[in-house]
Amino acid sequence: MAIAISTIGIKVSYAFESVAGEGYSGLSFTKIPQVKEIPEMNPSPDTIETTSFDNLEYKTYIDGLKDLGGSLDFTANYTQELFDLWQDDNGIMAQWASAKSSNKAMWLCIDIPDIDESCYLSVSPSALGLPPASTNTVMEITLHFTPVGEPVWDTDPVYAGTTLRDVTVTGYVSTGVEISIFKNDTLVNKFETTSSSTAIKLPEGDYTAVAKKSGKTTQVKDFTVSSSAVTVTFSTFA
């Protein structure tokens, strides 16, 4: 029987690319505090009619594009911490102005603790205005993000304050090897090799790397990331 998922502990975070076009992988994400509502990002696709003279009773359709509806609106408690995060000289809006001028994207991430992947989306943020207020209530504000890319699911992010170390995966020789990296039985990174070695970054800790290639024996390597760079060497898959 499936276990229902709680919303407790959901994290909404953001990161800016350091190099234009590098994507979200390897970025360090910063949690947005006091978020309490996340908008739905599960729109139904447009339907494109394909009815022809061959149809004698019902119209037929194919799926079209999905529409996230423009601005994605997150609700948060309005606090000084949130205001500073957005409006300070090195806040979200200042970082976005600098990033945009260099074609660097801002990435938003929704991390649900009981789901083993997180949702990533390239967005454009809006500056904070003045939220509404009424007697004897908590002040809340809507955080507006305009989607500029499509949502994707991938491994959970690395958060700011976490030290990342260089890890080189090598020895397999052949391209097209699927490498999966686990920490405490949870998948934290997955990629397919395109060269004779692959460089990634991981937080400190104990890991297991699994290398698979069709028609070849699966290889497993345990390794530890500590205070220096690490090399994980597999046997040749050629």
Protein backbone atom coordinates (compact mmCIF):
# COMPACT_ATOMS: atom_id res chain seq x y z
CA MET A 1 0.00 0.00 0.00
CA ALA A 2 1.39 3.42 -0.97
CA ILE A 3 2.18 5.88 1.83
CA ALA A 4 0.75 9.38 1.48
CA ILE A 5 3.25 12.22 1.31
CA SER A 6 3.29 15.12 3.77
CA THR A 7 4.16 18.70 2.83
CA ILE A 8 6.30 19.01 5.98
CA GLY A 9 9.89 19.96 5.18
CA ILE A 10 9.42 21.03 1.57
CA LYS A 11 12.21 23.40 0.50
CA VAL A 12 11.97 26.08 -2.18
CA SER A 13 15.41 27.32 -3.17
CA TYR A 14 17.24 29.21 -5.91
CA ALA A 15 20.64 29.46 -7.58
CA PHE A 16 22.25 31.52 -10.32
CA GLU A 17 24.46 30.12 -13.03
CA SER A 18 28.13 31.06 -12.74
CA VAL A 19 28.61 30.32 -16.46
CA ALA A 20 25.89 31.01 -19.02
CA GLY A 21 24.13 27.84 -20.10
CA GLU A 22 25.67 25.53 -17.48
CA GLY A 23 22.27 24.51 -16.08
CA TYR A 24 21.39 23.68 -12.49
CA SER A 25 23.65 20.65 -11.94
CA GLY A 26 26.53 21.48 -9.62
CA LEU A 27 25.07 24.80 -8.45
CA SER A 28 24.75 25.62 -4.75
CA PHE A 29 21.10 26.39 -3.89
CA THR A 30 19.91 28.85 -1.24
CA LYS A 31 16.65 28.15 0.60
CA ILE A 32 13.93 30.82 0.41
CA PRO A 33 12.61 31.24 3.97
CA GLN A 34 9.00 31.20 5.16
CA VAL A 35 7.39 29.82 1.96
CA LYS A 36 3.98 28.33 2.80
CA GLU A 37 2.20 27.75 -0.52
CA ILE A 38 3.47 26.44 -3.87
CA PRO A 39 1.45 26.93 -7.07
CA GLU A 40 0.29 23.98 -9.13
CA MET A 41 2.60 23.17 -12.02
CA ASN A 42 0.60 20.30 -13.46
CA PRO A 43 -1.38 21.87 -16.32
CA SER A 44 -3.31 19.78 -18.80
CA PRO A 45 -1.99 20.00 -22.36
CA ASP A 46 -3.79 21.90 -25.06
CA THR A 47 -5.68 19.57 -27.35
CA ILE A 48 -5.30 19.83 -31.13
CA GLU A 49 -8.21 18.46 -33.11
CA THR A 50 -7.39 15.81 -35.72
CA THR A 51 -10.95 14.88 -36.74
CA SER A 52 -11.28 13.81 -40.37
CA PHE A 53 -13.89 12.24 -42.65
CA ASP A 54 -12.72 8.87 -41.28
CA ASN A 55 -14.30 9.71 -37.92
CA LEU A 56 -17.94 8.67 -37.92
CA GLU A 57 -19.01 9.35 -34.31
CA TYR A 58 -16.33 11.07 -32.19
CA LYS A 59 -13.83 13.86 -32.70
CA THR A 60 -10.15 12.94 -32.22
CA TYR A 61 -7.28 14.95 -30.77
CA ILE A 62 -3.55 14.95 -30.07
CA ASP A 63 -1.74 16.63 -27.19
CA GLY A 64 -0.48 20.16 -27.70
CA LEU A 65 1.70 22.31 -25.45
CA LYS A 66 1.17 22.78 -21.73
CA ASP A 67 0.69 26.26 -20.27
CA LEU A 68 2.00 27.12 -16.80
CA GLY A 69 -0.17 30.23 -16.95
CA GLY A 70 2.45 32.97 -16.88
CA SER A 71 3.57 34.02 -13.40
CA LEU A 72 4.13 31.31 -10.81
CA ASP A 73 2.97 32.69 -7.46
CA PHE A 74 4.42 31.38 -4.19
CA THR A 75 3.01 32.58 -0.84
CA ALA A 76 5.39 33.34 2.04
CA ASN A 77 5.31 34.98 5.45
CA TYR A 78 6.54 38.57 5.06
CA THR A 79 9.63 38.90 7.24
CA GLN A 80 12.72 41.10 7.39
CA GLU A 81 14.80 38.05 6.45
CA LEU A 82 12.80 37.54 3.26
CA PHE A 83 12.82 41.25 2.42
CA ASP A 84 16.62 41.41 2.80
CA LEU A 85 17.09 38.26 0.73
CA TRP A 86 15.16 39.89 -2.11
CA GLN A 87 16.10 43.54 -1.93
CA ASP A 88 19.63 43.82 -0.45
CA ASP A 89 22.58 44.97 -2.55
CA ASN A 90 23.50 41.30 -3.04
CA GLY A 91 19.94 40.03 -2.90
CA ILE A 92 17.96 38.10 -5.47
CA MET A 93 17.04 41.12 -7.60
CA ALA A 94 20.61 42.46 -7.66
CA GLN A 95 21.99 39.03 -8.54
CA TRP A 96 19.34 38.64 -11.23
CA ALA A 97 20.24 42.00 -12.82
CA SER A 98 23.89 40.93 -12.99
CA ALA A 99 23.08 37.41 -14.22
CA LYS A 100 20.64 38.60 -16.90
CA SER A 101 23.22 40.98 -18.36
CA SER A 102 25.53 38.00 -18.90
CA ASN A 103 22.86 35.57 -20.18
CA LYS A 104 23.05 33.53 -16.98
CA ALA A 105 19.89 31.82 -15.76
CA MET A 106 18.22 31.77 -12.37
CA TRP A 107 17.06 28.32 -11.32
CA LEU A 108 14.25 27.58 -8.88
CA CYS A 109 14.08 24.20 -7.12
CA ILE A 110 11.24 22.50 -5.22
CA ASP A 111 12.57 19.72 -3.00
CA ILE A 112 9.95 17.37 -1.49
CA PRO A 113 11.55 15.21 1.25
CA ASP A 114 9.62 12.01 0.45
CA ILE A 115 10.27 12.20 -3.31
CA ASP A 116 13.73 11.06 -4.40
CA GLU A 117 14.05 13.77 -7.08
CA SER A 118 13.47 17.54 -7.10
CA CYS A 119 11.78 19.80 -9.63
CA TYR A 120 13.95 22.45 -11.35
CA LEU A 121 12.76 25.40 -13.42
CA SER A 122 14.52 28.35 -15.04
CA VAL A 123 12.72 31.55 -13.98
CA SER A 124 12.76 35.34 -13.95
CA PRO A 125 12.01 36.86 -10.50
CA SER A 126 9.95 39.97 -9.79
CA ALA A 127 10.79 42.63 -7.21
CA LEU A 128 8.73 42.67 -4.02
CA GLY A 129 5.96 45.20 -3.68
CA LEU A 130 3.87 46.05 -0.63
CA PRO A 131 1.68 43.13 0.55
CA PRO A 132 -1.87 43.59 1.84
CA ALA A 133 -2.52 43.73 5.57
CA SER A 134 -5.52 43.42 7.86
CA THR A 135 -6.07 43.50 11.63
CA ASN A 136 -4.81 40.59 13.77
CA THR A 137 -3.33 38.51 10.95
CA VAL A 138 0.10 37.37 9.77
CA MET A 139 1.49 39.47 6.93
CA GLU A 140 1.98 37.40 3.79
CA ILE A 141 3.43 38.25 0.41
CA THR A 142 3.28 36.67 -3.03
CA LEU A 143 6.60 35.83 -4.67
CA HIS A 144 6.25 36.09 -8.45
CA PHE A 145 8.41 34.05 -10.83
CA THR A 146 7.99 33.99 -14.59
CA PRO A 147 8.96 30.60 -16.11
CA VAL A 148 11.48 30.89 -18.95
CA GLY A 149 12.08 27.15 -19.34
CA GLU A 150 10.31 23.84 -18.81
CA PRO A 151 10.19 22.04 -15.41
CA VAL A 152 12.49 19.03 -15.14
CA TRP A 153 12.93 16.38 -12.43
CA ASP A 154 16.43 15.44 -11.34
CA THR A 155 18.50 14.54 -8.28
CA ASP A 156 18.12 16.69 -5.15
CA PRO A 157 20.19 19.90 -5.01
CA VAL A 158 23.25 20.77 -2.97
CA TYR A 159 22.47 23.63 -0.59
CA ALA A 160 24.54 26.71 0.22
CA GLY A 161 26.98 26.16 3.08
CA THR A 162 27.76 22.64 1.90
CA THR A 163 31.40 22.13 0.92
CA LEU A 164 31.74 20.54 -2.52
CA ARG A 165 34.75 18.45 -3.52
CA ASP A 166 36.01 17.46 -6.97
CA VAL A 167 35.32 13.83 -7.91
CA THR A 168 36.70 12.29 -11.10
CA VAL A 169 35.12 9.08 -12.39
CA THR A 170 37.43 7.25 -14.80
CA GLY A 171 38.84 3.92 -15.97
CA TYR A 172 35.75 2.74 -17.80
CA VAL A 173 37.23 3.91 -21.18
CA SER A 174 34.01 3.34 -23.15
CA THR A 175 31.47 6.09 -23.65
CA GLY A 176 27.80 5.38 -22.99
CA VAL A 177 28.39 3.98 -19.50
CA GLU A 178 25.58 4.82 -17.05
CA ILE A 179 27.01 5.99 -13.72
CA SER A 180 24.70 6.20 -10.68
CA ILE A 181 25.99 7.58 -7.38
CA PHE A 182 24.22 6.83 -4.10
CA LYS A 183 24.56 8.19 -0.57
CA ASN A 184 22.75 6.27 2.19
CA ASP A 185 20.91 4.32 -0.54
CA THR A 186 19.57 7.57 -2.06
CA LEU A 187 20.45 8.50 -5.64
CA VAL A 188 22.37 11.80 -5.63
CA ASN A 189 23.82 11.92 -9.15
CA LYS A 190 23.33 10.08 -12.41
CA PHE A 191 24.94 10.59 -15.82
CA GLU A 192 25.99 8.81 -18.99
CA THR A 193 29.66 9.04 -19.92
CA THR A 194 30.64 10.94 -23.07
CA SER A 195 34.44 10.83 -22.67
CA SER A 196 37.13 8.72 -20.99
CA SER A 197 36.61 10.45 -17.62
CA THR A 198 33.93 12.59 -16.01
CA ALA A 199 34.39 15.35 -13.40
CA ILE A 200 31.60 16.11 -10.92
CA LYS A 201 31.30 17.77 -7.50
CA LEU A 202 29.91 16.13 -4.35
CA PRO A 203 29.57 17.12 -0.67
CA GLU A 204 31.75 15.32 1.85
CA GLY A 205 30.52 11.85 2.86
CA ASP A 206 30.46 8.15 1.98
CA TYR A 207 29.15 7.09 -1.44
CA THR A 208 28.59 4.12 -3.71
CA ALA A 209 29.07 4.42 -7.49
CA VAL A 210 27.39 1.92 -9.82
CA ALA A 211 28.54 1.65 -13.45
CA LYS A 212 26.34 -0.10 -16.03
CA LYS A 213 26.67 -0.75 -19.76
CA SER A 214 24.47 -2.97 -21.89
CA GLY A 215 25.94 -6.44 -22.27
CA LYS A 216 28.63 -5.82 -19.63
CA THR A 217 28.94 -6.81 -15.96
CA THR A 218 27.78 -4.08 -13.59
CA GLN A 219 30.58 -2.61 -11.46
CA VAL A 220 30.20 -1.15 -7.95
CA LYS A 221 32.71 1.08 -6.15
CA ASP A 222 32.47 2.51 -2.62
CA PHE A 223 34.33 5.77 -2.02
CA THR A 224 34.62 8.59 0.49
CA VAL A 225 34.72 12.31 -0.25
CA SER A 226 36.68 14.14 2.43
CA SER A 227 38.98 17.15 2.44
CA SER A 228 40.52 16.72 -1.02
CA ALA A 229 39.75 15.66 -4.59
CA VAL A 230 38.81 12.00 -5.16
CA THR A 231 39.23 9.69 -8.15
CA VAL A 232 36.88 6.72 -8.60
CA THR A 233 38.40 4.18 -11.01
CA PHE A 234 36.36 1.46 -12.72
CA SER A 235 37.63 -1.40 -14.89
CA THR A 236 37.54 -1.03 -18.67
CA PHE A 237 34.13 -1.50 -20.34
CA ALA A 238 35.55 -1.49 -23.88
